[in-house]
Amino acid sequence: MMQVAKKIPFEDPTVLNAIRAVYVTSNLIILGIYLYIRAQVNKKKDMTTLKYVEPAPMGSSEEGKLVTTTIHAYDIGQIRNLMRAQAMGVLMMAVMHLYFKYTNPLLIQSIIPLKGALEANMTKIHVWGQPASGDLKRPFKQSAGFMSGLQSGPAQSDKKAVEAAERAGRGGAKEE
């Protein structure tokens, strides 16, 4: 895609406006996907209790915190995080494009986030209808991203870790 972006004449206002339209359309499609997923989550309203141990921040001497929530609340939180991440991407792109006049990422940022939205765990479950088992079992494993090295590890949902956290009395207040 970078090679293709280098060959596009961004100096031509017609081409630049077309690329801008593609970028805006891509982000509207992503927003539509996330709003559809949120509507599906609210429609299903799965109140099954979900318990997992949230890892302590890296460098902290604390142990992980027990989180007791519902699948509905967990999914809504995940959608909120996805929407927030997309909004941050749009904001960064707006600064790069409008302030610094950098145009090449417009095309790439029209495709990569859309691909990510279509391959997200929430999309796989609520749009594509895949069962929530295996890699799609809640809590989701954190993908290896830019800041993943700063986190201490994935959330633990196995019975042993949850029972140990319950005995230790760390957290456990159910979120409604």
N, C-alpha and C. Protein backbone atom coordinates (compact mmCIF):
# COMPACT_ATOMS: atom_id res chain seq x y z
N MET A 1 0.82 -1.19 0.00
CA MET A 1 0.00 0.00 0.00
C MET A 1 0.86 1.25 0.00
N MET A 2 2.01 1.19 0.70
CA MET A 2 2.90 2.35 0.71
C MET A 2 3.41 2.65 -0.69
N GLN A 3 3.71 1.60 -1.45
CA GLN A 3 4.20 1.79 -2.82
C GLN A 3 3.12 2.41 -3.69
N VAL A 4 1.89 1.98 -3.51
CA VAL A 4 0.78 2.54 -4.27
C VAL A 4 0.57 4.00 -3.87
N ALA A 5 0.65 4.28 -2.57
CA ALA A 5 0.44 5.65 -2.09
C ALA A 5 1.49 6.61 -2.64
N LYS A 6 2.70 6.12 -2.87
CA LYS A 6 3.76 6.97 -3.41
C LYS A 6 3.49 7.35 -4.87
N LYS A 7 2.74 6.53 -5.58
CA LYS A 7 2.47 6.78 -7.00
C LYS A 7 1.24 7.65 -7.23
N ILE A 8 0.46 7.91 -6.20
CA ILE A 8 -0.75 8.72 -6.33
C ILE A 8 -0.39 10.20 -6.31
N PRO A 9 -0.88 10.97 -7.26
CA PRO A 9 -0.57 12.41 -7.30
C PRO A 9 -1.43 13.20 -6.31
N PHE A 10 -0.98 13.30 -5.07
CA PHE A 10 -1.73 14.01 -4.03
C PHE A 10 -1.75 15.51 -4.27
N GLU A 11 -0.92 16.02 -5.18
CA GLU A 11 -0.89 17.45 -5.46
C GLU A 11 -2.15 17.87 -6.21
N ASP A 12 -2.76 16.94 -6.95
CA ASP A 12 -3.98 17.22 -7.70
C ASP A 12 -5.15 17.33 -6.71
N PRO A 13 -5.83 18.49 -6.65
CA PRO A 13 -6.92 18.67 -5.67
C PRO A 13 -8.07 17.67 -5.85
N THR A 14 -8.33 17.25 -7.07
CA THR A 14 -9.40 16.28 -7.29
C THR A 14 -9.05 14.93 -6.67
N VAL A 15 -7.82 14.49 -6.86
CA VAL A 15 -7.36 13.23 -6.29
C VAL A 15 -7.34 13.32 -4.76
N LEU A 16 -6.84 14.43 -4.25
CA LEU A 16 -6.76 14.61 -2.80
C LEU A 16 -8.17 14.59 -2.18
N ASN A 17 -9.12 15.26 -2.81
CA ASN A 17 -10.48 15.25 -2.28
C ASN A 17 -11.11 13.86 -2.36
N ALA A 18 -10.78 13.10 -3.40
CA ALA A 18 -11.28 11.72 -3.51
C ALA A 18 -10.71 10.85 -2.39
N ILE A 19 -9.42 11.01 -2.12
CA ILE A 19 -8.79 10.24 -1.03
C ILE A 19 -9.39 10.65 0.31
N ARG A 20 -9.65 11.94 0.50
CA ARG A 20 -10.30 12.40 1.74
C ARG A 20 -11.68 11.77 1.88
N ALA A 21 -12.42 11.71 0.76
CA ALA A 21 -13.76 11.10 0.79
C ALA A 21 -13.67 9.61 1.14
N VAL A 22 -12.68 8.92 0.61
CA VAL A 22 -12.48 7.51 0.94
C VAL A 22 -12.18 7.36 2.43
N TYR A 23 -11.34 8.25 2.98
CA TYR A 23 -10.99 8.19 4.40
C TYR A 23 -12.22 8.41 5.28
N VAL A 24 -13.01 9.42 4.96
CA VAL A 24 -14.20 9.72 5.74
C VAL A 24 -15.20 8.57 5.63
N THR A 25 -15.39 8.04 4.44
CA THR A 25 -16.31 6.92 4.23
C THR A 25 -15.86 5.70 5.03
N SER A 26 -14.58 5.42 5.02
CA SER A 26 -14.03 4.29 5.77
C SER A 26 -14.33 4.43 7.26
N ASN A 27 -14.13 5.63 7.79
CA ASN A 27 -14.39 5.85 9.22
C ASN A 27 -15.87 5.81 9.54
N LEU A 28 -16.72 6.23 8.62
CA LEU A 28 -18.16 6.12 8.84
C LEU A 28 -18.60 4.65 8.83
N ILE A 29 -17.99 3.84 7.98
CA ILE A 29 -18.29 2.41 7.96
C ILE A 29 -17.86 1.77 9.28
N ILE A 30 -16.68 2.13 9.76
CA ILE A 30 -16.19 1.60 11.04
C ILE A 30 -17.14 1.99 12.17
N LEU A 31 -17.54 3.26 12.19
CA LEU A 31 -18.48 3.72 13.22
C LEU A 31 -19.80 2.95 13.11
N GLY A 32 -20.27 2.73 11.90
CA GLY A 32 -21.50 1.95 11.70
C GLY A 32 -21.37 0.53 12.22
N ILE A 33 -20.22 -0.10 11.98
CA ILE A 33 -19.98 -1.46 12.49
C ILE A 33 -20.05 -1.47 14.01
N TYR A 34 -19.36 -0.52 14.65
CA TYR A 34 -19.33 -0.47 16.11
C TYR A 34 -20.71 -0.15 16.70
N LEU A 35 -21.46 0.74 16.06
CA LEU A 35 -22.80 1.04 16.55
C LEU A 35 -23.73 -0.17 16.38
N TYR A 36 -23.57 -0.90 15.29
CA TYR A 36 -24.36 -2.12 15.08
C TYR A 36 -24.04 -3.16 16.17
N ILE A 37 -22.75 -3.31 16.46
CA ILE A 37 -22.35 -4.28 17.49
C ILE A 37 -22.93 -3.87 18.84
N ARG A 38 -22.87 -2.57 19.15
CA ARG A 38 -23.42 -2.09 20.42
C ARG A 38 -24.92 -2.37 20.49
N ALA A 39 -25.62 -2.17 19.37
CA ALA A 39 -27.06 -2.46 19.34
C ALA A 39 -27.31 -3.96 19.56
N GLN A 40 -26.47 -4.80 18.96
CA GLN A 40 -26.62 -6.25 19.14
C GLN A 40 -26.35 -6.65 20.59
N VAL A 41 -25.35 -6.06 21.19
CA VAL A 41 -25.03 -6.37 22.59
C VAL A 41 -26.19 -5.95 23.49
N ASN A 42 -26.73 -4.75 23.24
CA ASN A 42 -27.87 -4.28 24.05
C ASN A 42 -29.12 -5.13 23.80
N LYS A 43 -29.28 -5.63 22.59
CA LYS A 43 -30.43 -6.47 22.27
C LYS A 43 -30.33 -7.82 22.98
N LYS A 44 -29.13 -8.41 22.98
CA LYS A 44 -28.93 -9.71 23.63
C LYS A 44 -28.98 -9.58 25.15
N LYS A 45 -28.40 -8.50 25.67
CA LYS A 45 -28.37 -8.20 27.12
C LYS A 45 -28.02 -9.45 27.94
N ASP A 46 -26.87 -10.06 27.64
CA ASP A 46 -26.42 -11.28 28.31
C ASP A 46 -25.92 -10.92 29.71
N MET A 47 -26.70 -11.29 30.72
CA MET A 47 -26.36 -10.96 32.10
C MET A 47 -25.62 -12.09 32.82
N THR A 48 -24.96 -12.96 32.05
CA THR A 48 -24.16 -14.02 32.64
C THR A 48 -22.98 -13.39 33.37
N THR A 49 -22.72 -13.85 34.58
CA THR A 49 -21.62 -13.30 35.37
C THR A 49 -20.28 -13.73 34.78
N LEU A 50 -19.37 -12.78 34.72
CA LEU A 50 -18.03 -13.02 34.20
C LEU A 50 -17.03 -12.58 35.27
N LYS A 51 -16.19 -13.51 35.68
CA LYS A 51 -15.16 -13.20 36.68
C LYS A 51 -13.79 -13.43 36.06
N TYR A 52 -12.90 -12.49 36.31
CA TYR A 52 -11.52 -12.65 35.85
C TYR A 52 -10.62 -11.79 36.72
N VAL A 53 -9.34 -12.11 36.69
CA VAL A 53 -8.35 -11.36 37.46
C VAL A 53 -7.62 -10.43 36.50
N GLU A 54 -7.79 -9.14 36.74
CA GLU A 54 -7.13 -8.12 35.93
C GLU A 54 -5.69 -8.00 36.42
N PRO A 55 -4.72 -8.05 35.53
CA PRO A 55 -3.32 -7.98 35.97
C PRO A 55 -2.98 -6.63 36.58
N ALA A 56 -2.07 -6.65 37.53
CA ALA A 56 -1.60 -5.41 38.15
C ALA A 56 -0.74 -4.64 37.15
N PRO A 57 -0.68 -3.32 37.28
CA PRO A 57 0.18 -2.55 36.38
C PRO A 57 1.63 -2.99 36.51
N MET A 58 2.35 -2.91 35.41
CA MET A 58 3.75 -3.33 35.42
C MET A 58 4.56 -2.44 36.36
N GLY A 59 5.43 -3.06 37.10
CA GLY A 59 6.25 -2.34 38.06
C GLY A 59 5.59 -2.17 39.41
N SER A 60 4.33 -2.57 39.50
CA SER A 60 3.60 -2.47 40.75
C SER A 60 3.84 -3.73 41.58
N SER A 61 3.88 -3.57 42.89
CA SER A 61 4.06 -4.72 43.76
C SER A 61 2.72 -5.35 44.13
N GLU A 62 1.63 -4.73 43.69
CA GLU A 62 0.30 -5.26 43.99
C GLU A 62 0.06 -6.52 43.19
N GLU A 63 -0.93 -7.28 43.65
CA GLU A 63 -1.36 -8.45 42.89
C GLU A 63 -2.55 -8.02 42.04
N GLY A 64 -2.94 -8.89 41.11
CA GLY A 64 -4.06 -8.58 40.22
C GLY A 64 -5.35 -8.37 40.98
N LYS A 65 -6.28 -7.63 40.36
CA LYS A 65 -7.55 -7.30 40.98
C LYS A 65 -8.65 -8.18 40.38
N LEU A 66 -9.49 -8.74 41.24
CA LEU A 66 -10.61 -9.56 40.79
C LEU A 66 -11.70 -8.63 40.25
N VAL A 67 -12.17 -8.94 39.05
CA VAL A 67 -13.25 -8.17 38.44
C VAL A 67 -14.43 -9.12 38.24
N THR A 68 -15.58 -8.72 38.78
CA THR A 68 -16.82 -9.47 38.60
C THR A 68 -17.78 -8.56 37.85
N THR A 69 -18.16 -8.97 36.68
CA THR A 69 -19.03 -8.16 35.83
C THR A 69 -19.96 -9.09 35.06
N THR A 70 -20.67 -8.55 34.12
CA THR A 70 -21.51 -9.37 33.26
C THR A 70 -20.93 -9.34 31.85
N ILE A 71 -21.34 -10.29 31.02
CA ILE A 71 -20.87 -10.31 29.64
C ILE A 71 -21.36 -9.05 28.92
N HIS A 72 -22.58 -8.61 29.22
CA HIS A 72 -23.11 -7.39 28.60
C HIS A 72 -22.22 -6.19 28.93
N ALA A 73 -21.90 -6.00 30.21
CA ALA A 73 -21.07 -4.86 30.61
C ALA A 73 -19.67 -4.97 30.03
N TYR A 74 -19.13 -6.18 29.97
CA TYR A 74 -17.80 -6.38 29.41
C TYR A 74 -17.78 -6.01 27.93
N ASP A 75 -18.80 -6.48 27.19
CA ASP A 75 -18.87 -6.19 25.76
C ASP A 75 -19.06 -4.69 25.51
N ILE A 76 -19.89 -4.05 26.30
CA ILE A 76 -20.09 -2.60 26.15
C ILE A 76 -18.76 -1.87 26.40
N GLY A 77 -18.02 -2.31 27.40
CA GLY A 77 -16.70 -1.71 27.68
C GLY A 77 -15.73 -1.92 26.52
N GLN A 78 -15.77 -3.10 25.93
CA GLN A 78 -14.89 -3.38 24.79
C GLN A 78 -15.25 -2.51 23.60
N ILE A 79 -16.53 -2.35 23.33
CA ILE A 79 -16.97 -1.48 22.22
C ILE A 79 -16.56 -0.04 22.50
N ARG A 80 -16.71 0.39 23.73
CA ARG A 80 -16.31 1.76 24.10
C ARG A 80 -14.81 1.95 23.85
N ASN A 81 -14.01 0.95 24.20
CA ASN A 81 -12.57 1.04 23.95
C ASN A 81 -12.25 1.07 22.46
N LEU A 82 -12.95 0.26 21.67
CA LEU A 82 -12.73 0.27 20.22
C LEU A 82 -13.10 1.62 19.61
N MET A 83 -14.22 2.19 20.05
CA MET A 83 -14.64 3.49 19.53
C MET A 83 -13.66 4.59 19.93
N ARG A 84 -13.18 4.52 21.16
CA ARG A 84 -12.22 5.52 21.64
C ARG A 84 -10.91 5.42 20.85
N ALA A 85 -10.46 4.21 20.59
CA ALA A 85 -9.23 4.02 19.81
C ALA A 85 -9.40 4.56 18.39
N GLN A 86 -10.56 4.33 17.80
CA GLN A 86 -10.81 4.84 16.45
C GLN A 86 -10.86 6.36 16.45
N ALA A 87 -11.48 6.95 17.46
CA ALA A 87 -11.55 8.42 17.55
C ALA A 87 -10.14 9.01 17.71
N MET A 88 -9.30 8.35 18.49
CA MET A 88 -7.92 8.84 18.65
C MET A 88 -7.17 8.77 17.33
N GLY A 89 -7.40 7.70 16.56
CA GLY A 89 -6.77 7.57 15.25
C GLY A 89 -7.21 8.67 14.30
N VAL A 90 -8.51 8.99 14.32
CA VAL A 90 -9.03 10.07 13.47
C VAL A 90 -8.44 11.41 13.91
N LEU A 91 -8.34 11.62 15.21
CA LEU A 91 -7.76 12.86 15.72
C LEU A 91 -6.29 13.00 15.31
N MET A 92 -5.53 11.93 15.45
CA MET A 92 -4.12 11.96 15.04
C MET A 92 -4.00 12.22 13.54
N MET A 93 -4.85 11.58 12.76
CA MET A 93 -4.82 11.77 11.31
C MET A 93 -5.21 13.20 10.94
N ALA A 94 -6.17 13.75 11.66
CA ALA A 94 -6.59 15.13 11.40
C ALA A 94 -5.44 16.11 11.66
N VAL A 95 -4.73 15.90 12.76
CA VAL A 95 -3.58 16.76 13.06
C VAL A 95 -2.51 16.60 12.00
N MET A 96 -2.19 15.36 11.64
CA MET A 96 -1.15 15.13 10.64
C MET A 96 -1.53 15.72 9.29
N HIS A 97 -2.80 15.59 8.91
CA HIS A 97 -3.21 16.05 7.59
C HIS A 97 -3.48 17.56 7.55
N LEU A 98 -4.24 18.06 8.51
CA LEU A 98 -4.64 19.46 8.45
C LEU A 98 -3.55 20.41 8.93
N TYR A 99 -2.82 20.03 9.96
CA TYR A 99 -1.81 20.92 10.52
C TYR A 99 -0.46 20.75 9.82
N PHE A 100 -0.02 19.49 9.68
CA PHE A 100 1.30 19.24 9.09
C PHE A 100 1.26 19.01 7.57
N LYS A 101 0.05 19.00 6.99
CA LYS A 101 -0.14 18.84 5.54
C LYS A 101 0.43 17.52 5.01
N TYR A 102 0.36 16.48 5.82
CA TYR A 102 0.88 15.17 5.45
C TYR A 102 -0.28 14.36 4.87
N THR A 103 -0.21 13.97 3.59
CA THR A 103 -1.35 13.36 2.92
C THR A 103 -1.22 11.86 2.67
N ASN A 104 -0.02 11.33 2.60
CA ASN A 104 0.15 9.91 2.26
C ASN A 104 -0.59 8.94 3.19
N PRO A 105 -0.63 9.18 4.50
CA PRO A 105 -1.31 8.21 5.37
C PRO A 105 -2.83 8.14 5.19
N LEU A 106 -3.42 9.12 4.51
CA LEU A 106 -4.87 9.09 4.33
C LEU A 106 -5.34 7.80 3.69
N LEU A 107 -4.67 7.38 2.66
CA LEU A 107 -5.07 6.17 1.94
C LEU A 107 -4.86 4.92 2.80
N ILE A 108 -3.72 4.85 3.45
CA ILE A 108 -3.41 3.68 4.27
C ILE A 108 -4.34 3.60 5.48
N GLN A 109 -4.63 4.78 6.08
CA GLN A 109 -5.51 4.81 7.23
C GLN A 109 -6.98 4.65 6.84
N SER A 110 -7.26 4.57 5.56
CA SER A 110 -8.60 4.24 5.11
C SER A 110 -8.81 2.74 5.07
N ILE A 111 -7.72 1.98 4.96
CA ILE A 111 -7.82 0.54 4.78
C ILE A 111 -7.50 -0.23 6.06
N ILE A 112 -6.39 0.08 6.71
CA ILE A 112 -5.94 -0.69 7.87
C ILE A 112 -6.95 -0.68 9.03
N PRO A 113 -7.49 0.49 9.46
CA PRO A 113 -8.48 0.44 10.55
C PRO A 113 -9.76 -0.30 10.17
N LEU A 114 -10.16 -0.20 8.90
CA LEU A 114 -11.35 -0.92 8.46
C LEU A 114 -11.12 -2.43 8.54
N LYS A 115 -9.95 -2.86 8.11
CA LYS A 115 -9.58 -4.28 8.22
C LYS A 115 -9.57 -4.70 9.69
N GLY A 116 -9.01 -3.86 10.55
CA GLY A 116 -8.98 -4.15 11.98
C GLY A 116 -10.37 -4.25 12.58
N ALA A 117 -11.27 -3.37 12.16
CA ALA A 117 -12.65 -3.40 12.67
C ALA A 117 -13.37 -4.67 12.23
N LEU A 118 -13.12 -5.10 11.01
CA LEU A 118 -13.77 -6.30 10.50
C LEU A 118 -13.20 -7.58 11.11
N GLU A 119 -11.98 -7.50 11.66
CA GLU A 119 -11.35 -8.67 12.27
C GLU A 119 -11.34 -8.63 13.80
N ALA A 120 -11.97 -7.63 14.40
CA ALA A 120 -12.00 -7.50 15.86
C ALA A 120 -12.80 -8.64 16.48
N ASN A 121 -12.45 -8.99 17.71
CA ASN A 121 -13.15 -10.07 18.41
C ASN A 121 -14.64 -9.80 18.53
N MET A 122 -15.00 -8.55 18.83
CA MET A 122 -16.42 -8.20 18.97
C MET A 122 -17.16 -8.38 17.65
N THR A 123 -16.51 -8.06 16.53
CA THR A 123 -17.13 -8.23 15.22
C THR A 123 -17.28 -9.71 14.90
N LYS A 124 -16.27 -10.49 15.23
CA LYS A 124 -16.35 -11.93 14.97
C LYS A 124 -17.54 -12.56 15.70
N ILE A 125 -17.79 -12.10 16.92
CA ILE A 125 -18.88 -12.68 17.72
C ILE A 125 -20.24 -12.14 17.29
N HIS A 126 -20.37 -10.81 17.22
CA HIS A 126 -21.69 -10.21 17.05
C HIS A 126 -22.09 -9.94 15.60
N VAL A 127 -21.15 -9.91 14.66
CA VAL A 127 -21.50 -9.69 13.25
C VAL A 127 -21.38 -10.99 12.47
N TRP A 128 -20.24 -11.65 12.61
CA TRP A 128 -20.00 -12.88 11.84
C TRP A 128 -20.60 -14.11 12.51
N GLY A 129 -21.05 -14.00 13.76
CA GLY A 129 -21.75 -15.09 14.43
C GLY A 129 -20.89 -16.23 14.90
N GLN A 130 -19.60 -15.99 15.11
CA GLN A 130 -18.74 -17.06 15.61
C GLN A 130 -19.01 -17.27 17.10
N PRO A 131 -18.90 -18.51 17.58
CA PRO A 131 -19.14 -18.76 19.00
C PRO A 131 -18.03 -18.16 19.86
N ALA A 132 -18.41 -17.73 21.06
CA ALA A 132 -17.46 -17.09 21.98
C ALA A 132 -16.68 -18.16 22.74
N SER A 133 -15.83 -18.89 22.02
CA SER A 133 -15.00 -19.91 22.64
C SER A 133 -13.61 -19.85 22.01
N GLY A 134 -12.67 -20.49 22.66
CA GLY A 134 -11.29 -20.46 22.16
C GLY A 134 -10.70 -19.06 22.31
N ASP A 135 -10.18 -18.52 21.22
CA ASP A 135 -9.61 -17.17 21.26
C ASP A 135 -10.66 -16.09 21.49
N LEU A 136 -11.92 -16.40 21.24
CA LEU A 136 -12.99 -15.42 21.41
C LEU A 136 -13.65 -15.51 22.78
N LYS A 137 -13.09 -16.33 23.67
CA LYS A 137 -13.63 -16.46 25.03
C LYS A 137 -13.30 -15.21 25.82
N ARG A 138 -14.28 -14.71 26.53
CA ARG A 138 -14.07 -13.51 27.35
C ARG A 138 -13.40 -13.89 28.65
N PRO A 139 -12.51 -13.13 29.23
CA PRO A 139 -11.96 -11.87 28.72
C PRO A 139 -11.01 -12.14 27.55
N PHE A 140 -11.04 -11.24 26.58
CA PHE A 140 -10.20 -11.42 25.40
C PHE A 140 -8.73 -11.25 25.75
N LYS A 141 -7.90 -12.00 25.05
CA LYS A 141 -6.46 -11.83 25.21
C LYS A 141 -6.08 -10.52 24.55
N GLN A 142 -5.18 -9.79 25.18
CA GLN A 142 -4.72 -8.52 24.61
C GLN A 142 -3.85 -8.81 23.41
N SER A 143 -4.10 -8.12 22.31
CA SER A 143 -3.27 -8.31 21.13
C SER A 143 -1.91 -7.67 21.36
N ALA A 144 -0.90 -8.23 20.74
CA ALA A 144 0.46 -7.70 20.87
C ALA A 144 0.54 -6.40 20.09
N GLY A 145 0.44 -5.30 20.80
CA GLY A 145 0.45 -4.00 20.16
C GLY A 145 1.64 -3.17 20.59
N PHE A 146 1.55 -1.90 20.30
CA PHE A 146 2.63 -0.96 20.56
C PHE A 146 2.95 -0.87 22.06
N MET A 147 1.95 -0.83 22.90
CA MET A 147 2.15 -0.64 24.34
C MET A 147 2.06 -1.95 25.12
N SER A 148 1.99 -3.09 24.45
CA SER A 148 1.79 -4.36 25.16
C SER A 148 2.96 -4.71 26.07
N GLY A 149 4.13 -4.20 25.79
CA GLY A 149 5.28 -4.48 26.65
C GLY A 149 5.19 -3.82 28.01
N LEU A 150 4.33 -2.80 28.14
CA LEU A 150 4.18 -2.10 29.41
C LEU A 150 3.15 -2.76 30.32
N GLN A 151 2.43 -3.73 29.81
CA GLN A 151 1.44 -4.41 30.62
C GLN A 151 2.04 -5.69 31.17
N SER A 152 1.50 -6.10 32.33
CA SER A 152 2.13 -7.24 32.99
C SER A 152 1.63 -8.58 32.51
N GLY A 153 0.62 -8.63 31.70
CA GLY A 153 0.16 -9.91 31.19
C GLY A 153 -1.33 -9.89 30.93
N PRO A 154 -1.84 -10.98 30.40
CA PRO A 154 -3.27 -11.03 30.07
C PRO A 154 -4.12 -11.23 31.32
N ALA A 155 -5.39 -10.92 31.20
CA ALA A 155 -6.33 -11.17 32.29
C ALA A 155 -6.49 -12.67 32.44
N GLN A 156 -6.61 -13.12 33.68
CA GLN A 156 -6.73 -14.55 33.95
C GLN A 156 -8.17 -14.86 34.33
N SER A 157 -8.77 -15.81 33.62
CA SER A 157 -10.16 -16.16 33.93
C SER A 157 -10.27 -17.61 34.40
N ASP A 158 -9.13 -18.29 34.56
CA ASP A 158 -9.21 -19.68 35.01
C ASP A 158 -9.69 -19.73 36.46
N LYS A 159 -10.34 -20.83 36.80
CA LYS A 159 -10.98 -20.98 38.11
C LYS A 159 -9.99 -20.81 39.26
N LYS A 160 -8.79 -21.33 39.10
CA LYS A 160 -7.77 -21.27 40.15
C LYS A 160 -7.40 -19.82 40.47
N ALA A 161 -7.15 -19.00 39.43
CA ALA A 161 -6.76 -17.60 39.64
C ALA A 161 -7.91 -16.80 40.25
N VAL A 162 -9.15 -17.06 39.82
CA VAL A 162 -10.31 -16.33 40.34
C VAL A 162 -10.52 -16.68 41.82
N GLU A 163 -10.43 -17.96 42.15
CA GLU A 163 -10.62 -18.36 43.54
C GLU A 163 -9.52 -17.80 44.43
N ALA A 164 -8.29 -17.77 43.96
CA ALA A 164 -7.19 -17.22 44.75
C ALA A 164 -7.43 -15.73 45.00
N ALA A 165 -7.90 -15.00 44.01
CA ALA A 165 -8.18 -13.57 44.17
C ALA A 165 -9.36 -13.35 45.11
N GLU A 166 -10.36 -14.24 45.04
CA GLU A 166 -11.50 -14.12 45.95
C GLU A 166 -11.07 -14.34 47.39
N ARG A 167 -10.20 -15.34 47.61
CA ARG A 167 -9.71 -15.62 48.97
C ARG A 167 -8.87 -14.47 49.49
N ALA A 168 -8.11 -13.85 48.62
CA ALA A 168 -7.24 -12.75 49.03
C ALA A 168 -8.06 -11.47 49.26
N GLY A 169 -9.28 -11.44 48.76
CA GLY A 169 -10.14 -10.28 48.98
C GLY A 169 -9.78 -9.09 48.12
N ARG A 170 -9.22 -9.31 46.94
CA ARG A 170 -8.82 -8.21 46.05
C ARG A 170 -9.97 -7.90 45.11
N GLY A 171 -10.63 -6.80 45.29
CA GLY A 171 -11.70 -6.39 44.37
C GLY A 171 -12.92 -7.25 44.56
N GLY A 172 -13.61 -7.50 43.49
CA GLY A 172 -14.77 -8.37 43.53
C GLY A 172 -16.09 -7.65 43.56
N ALA A 173 -16.11 -6.32 43.58
CA ALA A 173 -17.36 -5.60 43.54
C ALA A 173 -17.96 -5.72 42.16
N LYS A 174 -19.20 -6.18 42.11
CA LYS A 174 -19.82 -6.39 40.80
C LYS A 174 -20.21 -5.06 40.19
N GLU A 175 -19.82 -4.89 38.93
CA GLU A 175 -20.16 -3.67 38.21
C GLU A 175 -21.51 -3.87 37.58
N GLU A 176 -22.40 -2.91 37.71
CA GLU A 176 -23.75 -3.01 37.12
C GLU A 176 -23.85 -2.11 35.93
